[in-house]
Amino acid sequence: MIDGGHYLWDMQLVQWLVPTVASVVAVILSAYALLATRSHNRRALFLDMHAKMLDPEIFRGRRVLLEKINSLEDARALREADPLQYELVNRAVAMLDVLACYVRRGYLDRTLVLEEWGYLYAAAWPHGRYFLLARHQDLGHDRLPWPHLRAFGPVAVAWTLRHKRQQESAHHDEVLALQLLAASNSQPEQPVTTHSTETATQPLD
């Protein structure tokens, strides 16, 4: 005969567990959906930023920055001689600042951005400093423009130097391994000497 008290307790336990488990499962599914949505949004934002970085005008602005802005005087001269190219550079530098802003706020993955644009950013930063100062003088503001660019530029330079050293070390190790492998394969095979197990028989007297 089933104990009525135990049966009642079991039923109450089941009634408590079912909604609790359902709530936990709902929370887990909601968290998973949120993470999946966030991951999807970050991928979409990355691809959108990638397309903007490859925009022809942004690309030309970066080329002008790298080729023609090697001093503060160069930036000032470009502003006077070719305002259109100056504005192209301005748009390109502003886009680099937006990219750094997205990284700083966590909208884009920092490592992924460095792997994709770290070398470009490191190359542009020394030239961008001159343009930044010229733009600051042009605007006449009390504070420097493009704060995210100023913060991320040295980070990209340090990452690039470290990454280059790692690549050089890996390249050196790979070359050494290939040289050792080639040396071992080029050694001539040693002839195999076989010893006869037959013993000479002496003639009987």
Protein backbone atom coordinates (compact mmCIF):
# COMPACT_ATOMS: atom_id res chain seq x y z
CA MET A 1 0.00 0.00 0.00
CA ILE A 2 1.44 3.36 -1.03
CA ASP A 3 2.09 5.78 1.78
CA GLY A 4 -0.24 8.74 1.20
CA GLY A 5 2.20 11.22 2.71
CA HIS A 6 5.08 10.17 0.46
CA TYR A 7 2.82 10.18 -2.59
CA LEU A 8 1.66 13.71 -1.83
CA TRP A 9 5.24 14.83 -1.31
CA ASP A 10 6.31 13.29 -4.63
CA MET A 11 3.48 15.03 -6.45
CA GLN A 12 4.39 18.37 -4.92
CA LEU A 13 8.03 17.83 -5.88
CA VAL A 14 7.06 17.07 -9.47
CA GLN A 15 4.80 20.11 -9.59
CA TRP A 16 7.70 22.25 -8.39
CA LEU A 17 10.38 20.69 -10.60
CA VAL A 18 8.50 20.84 -13.91
CA PRO A 19 8.07 24.64 -14.05
CA THR A 20 11.54 25.18 -12.55
CA VAL A 21 13.22 23.00 -15.19
CA ALA A 22 11.13 24.64 -17.90
CA SER A 23 12.23 28.08 -16.66
CA VAL A 24 15.89 27.04 -16.63
CA VAL A 25 15.63 25.62 -20.15
CA ALA A 26 13.92 28.82 -21.33
CA VAL A 27 16.70 30.94 -19.82
CA ILE A 28 19.38 28.78 -21.46
CA LEU A 29 17.65 28.96 -24.85
CA SER A 30 17.23 32.72 -24.52
CA ALA A 31 20.90 33.16 -23.64
CA TYR A 32 21.93 30.98 -26.59
CA ALA A 33 19.70 32.94 -28.95
CA LEU A 34 21.10 36.21 -27.62
CA LEU A 35 24.70 35.05 -28.11
CA ALA A 36 23.91 33.75 -31.59
CA THR A 37 22.27 37.05 -32.53
CA ARG A 38 25.18 39.04 -31.11
CA SER A 39 27.69 36.88 -33.01
CA HIS A 40 25.69 37.30 -36.22
CA ASN A 41 25.50 41.07 -35.74
CA ARG A 42 29.24 41.31 -35.14
CA ARG A 43 29.95 39.32 -38.32
CA ALA A 44 27.60 41.54 -40.29
CA LEU A 45 29.22 44.66 -38.85
CA PHE A 46 32.67 43.32 -39.66
CA LEU A 47 31.71 42.64 -43.28
CA ASP A 48 30.10 46.08 -43.54
CA MET A 49 33.24 47.75 -42.17
CA HIS A 50 35.38 45.66 -44.51
CA ALA A 51 33.37 46.92 -47.47
CA LYS A 52 33.72 50.52 -46.28
CA MET A 53 37.47 50.14 -45.82
CA LEU A 54 37.67 48.94 -49.44
CA ASP A 55 35.59 51.85 -50.76
CA PRO A 56 37.51 53.39 -53.70
CA GLU A 57 37.57 56.89 -52.20
CA ILE A 58 38.68 55.60 -48.81
CA PHE A 59 41.36 53.55 -50.53
CA ARG A 60 42.60 56.55 -52.52
CA GLY A 61 42.65 58.64 -49.36
CA ARG A 62 44.88 56.07 -47.66
CA ARG A 63 47.20 56.01 -50.67
CA VAL A 64 47.55 59.79 -50.58
CA LEU A 65 48.17 59.65 -46.84
CA LEU A 66 50.93 57.06 -47.20
CA GLU A 67 52.59 58.60 -50.23
CA LYS A 68 52.30 62.34 -49.66
CA ILE A 69 52.04 63.00 -45.91
CA ASN A 70 55.48 62.50 -44.42
CA SER A 71 55.61 65.62 -42.28
CA LEU A 72 53.41 68.31 -40.83
CA GLU A 73 54.51 70.58 -43.66
CA ASP A 74 53.34 67.99 -46.21
CA ALA A 75 49.88 67.96 -44.64
CA ARG A 76 49.67 71.74 -44.67
CA ALA A 77 50.90 71.92 -48.26
CA LEU A 78 48.36 69.35 -49.41
CA ARG A 79 45.56 71.35 -47.81
CA GLU A 80 46.62 74.42 -49.77
CA ALA A 81 47.58 72.76 -53.06
CA ASP A 82 44.89 70.12 -53.46
CA PRO A 83 41.83 70.47 -51.21
CA LEU A 84 40.12 67.51 -52.90
CA GLN A 85 42.94 65.12 -52.03
CA TYR A 86 43.08 66.64 -48.57
CA GLU A 87 39.41 65.75 -48.05
CA LEU A 88 40.04 62.22 -49.36
CA VAL A 89 42.72 61.80 -46.71
CA ASN A 90 40.38 63.27 -44.12
CA ARG A 91 37.70 60.69 -44.94
CA ALA A 92 40.21 57.83 -44.85
CA VAL A 93 41.59 58.89 -41.47
CA ALA A 94 38.08 59.38 -40.10
CA MET A 95 37.22 55.82 -41.19
CA LEU A 96 40.26 54.51 -39.33
CA ASP A 97 39.02 56.35 -36.26
CA VAL A 98 35.57 54.74 -36.60
CA LEU A 99 37.18 51.31 -36.92
CA ALA A 100 39.15 51.90 -33.72
CA CYS A 101 35.99 53.17 -32.00
CA TYR A 102 34.14 49.94 -32.85
CA VAL A 103 37.02 47.91 -31.41
CA ARG A 104 37.17 50.01 -28.26
CA ARG A 105 33.44 49.63 -27.61
CA GLY A 106 33.51 45.89 -28.29
CA TYR A 107 31.42 45.99 -31.47
CA LEU A 108 34.28 44.31 -33.35
CA ASP A 109 36.71 41.68 -32.15
CA ARG A 110 40.10 43.31 -31.47
CA THR A 111 42.20 40.32 -32.55
CA LEU A 112 40.23 39.89 -35.77
CA VAL A 113 40.61 43.58 -36.64
CA LEU A 114 44.35 43.46 -36.00
CA GLU A 115 44.74 40.34 -38.12
CA GLU A 116 42.81 41.96 -40.97
CA TRP A 117 43.97 45.59 -40.78
CA GLY A 118 46.79 45.66 -38.23
CA TYR A 119 49.59 46.08 -40.78
CA LEU A 120 47.65 48.77 -42.65
CA TYR A 121 46.86 50.62 -39.45
CA ALA A 122 50.47 50.47 -38.29
CA ALA A 123 51.67 51.80 -41.65
CA ALA A 124 49.12 54.62 -41.67
CA TRP A 125 49.58 55.76 -38.08
CA PRO A 126 52.94 57.61 -38.45
CA HIS A 127 51.57 59.57 -41.43
CA GLY A 128 48.22 60.02 -39.72
CA ARG A 129 49.84 61.83 -36.79
CA TYR A 130 51.02 64.61 -39.10
CA PHE A 131 47.63 64.88 -40.75
CA LEU A 132 45.93 64.85 -37.37
CA LEU A 133 47.99 67.85 -36.20
CA ALA A 134 47.32 69.73 -39.43
CA ARG A 135 43.60 69.00 -39.13
CA HIS A 136 43.66 70.18 -35.53
CA GLN A 137 45.16 73.49 -36.63
CA ASP A 138 42.69 73.70 -39.50
CA LEU A 139 39.68 73.22 -37.20
CA GLY A 140 41.05 75.39 -34.42
CA HIS A 141 39.54 73.23 -31.66
CA ASP A 142 40.91 72.99 -28.14
CA ARG A 143 41.19 69.21 -28.27
CA LEU A 144 42.75 66.90 -30.82
CA PRO A 145 40.44 65.07 -33.23
CA TRP A 146 40.07 61.32 -33.65
CA PRO A 147 40.68 60.06 -30.10
CA HIS A 148 40.15 56.42 -31.05
CA LEU A 149 42.73 56.66 -33.81
CA ARG A 150 45.24 58.12 -31.35
CA ALA A 151 44.63 55.30 -28.87
CA PHE A 152 44.62 52.43 -31.39
CA GLY A 153 47.52 53.56 -33.59
CA PRO A 154 50.29 52.63 -31.10
CA VAL A 155 48.48 49.36 -30.33
CA ALA A 156 48.54 48.41 -34.02
CA VAL A 157 52.23 49.34 -34.30
CA ALA A 158 53.16 47.20 -31.26
CA TRP A 159 51.05 44.28 -32.54
CA THR A 160 52.67 44.50 -35.98
CA LEU A 161 56.21 44.47 -34.58
CA ARG A 162 55.40 41.51 -32.34
CA HIS A 163 53.64 39.65 -35.15
CA LYS A 164 56.57 40.22 -37.52
CA ARG A 165 59.01 38.80 -34.96
CA GLN A 166 56.80 35.75 -34.50
CA GLN A 167 56.57 35.24 -38.25
CA GLU A 168 60.32 35.65 -38.68
CA SER A 169 60.96 33.15 -35.89
CA ALA A 170 58.50 30.65 -37.38
CA HIS A 171 60.03 31.16 -40.83
CA HIS A 172 63.53 30.58 -39.46
CA ASP A 173 62.43 27.38 -37.71
CA GLU A 174 60.72 26.11 -40.85
CA VAL A 175 63.75 26.83 -43.03
CA LEU A 176 66.03 25.08 -40.53
CA ALA A 177 63.76 22.04 -40.43
CA LEU A 178 63.72 21.85 -44.23
CA GLN A 179 67.51 22.16 -44.38
CA LEU A 180 67.93 19.33 -41.89
CA LEU A 181 65.47 17.21 -43.83
CA ALA A 182 67.26 17.90 -47.12
CA ALA A 183 70.63 17.10 -45.56
CA SER A 184 69.40 13.78 -44.18
CA ASN A 185 67.89 12.81 -47.56
CA SER A 186 71.07 13.69 -49.47
CA GLN A 187 73.35 11.40 -47.45
CA PRO A 188 74.42 8.37 -49.54
CA GLU A 189 73.20 5.05 -48.37
CA GLN A 190 75.87 2.94 -46.69
CA PRO A 191 76.50 -0.42 -48.38
CA VAL A 192 75.23 -3.31 -46.38
CA THR A 193 77.99 -5.81 -45.58
CA THR A 194 76.85 -9.40 -45.28
CA HIS A 195 78.88 -11.95 -43.44
CA SER A 196 78.74 -15.54 -44.64
CA THR A 197 77.72 -18.01 -42.03
CA GLU A 198 79.43 -20.80 -43.92
CA THR A 199 82.68 -22.02 -42.41
CA ALA A 200 85.50 -23.25 -44.58
CA THR A 201 86.17 -26.93 -44.24
CA GLN A 202 89.71 -28.05 -43.86
CA PRO A 203 90.80 -31.06 -45.92
CA LEU A 204 91.12 -34.23 -43.87
CA ASP A 205 94.59 -35.66 -43.57
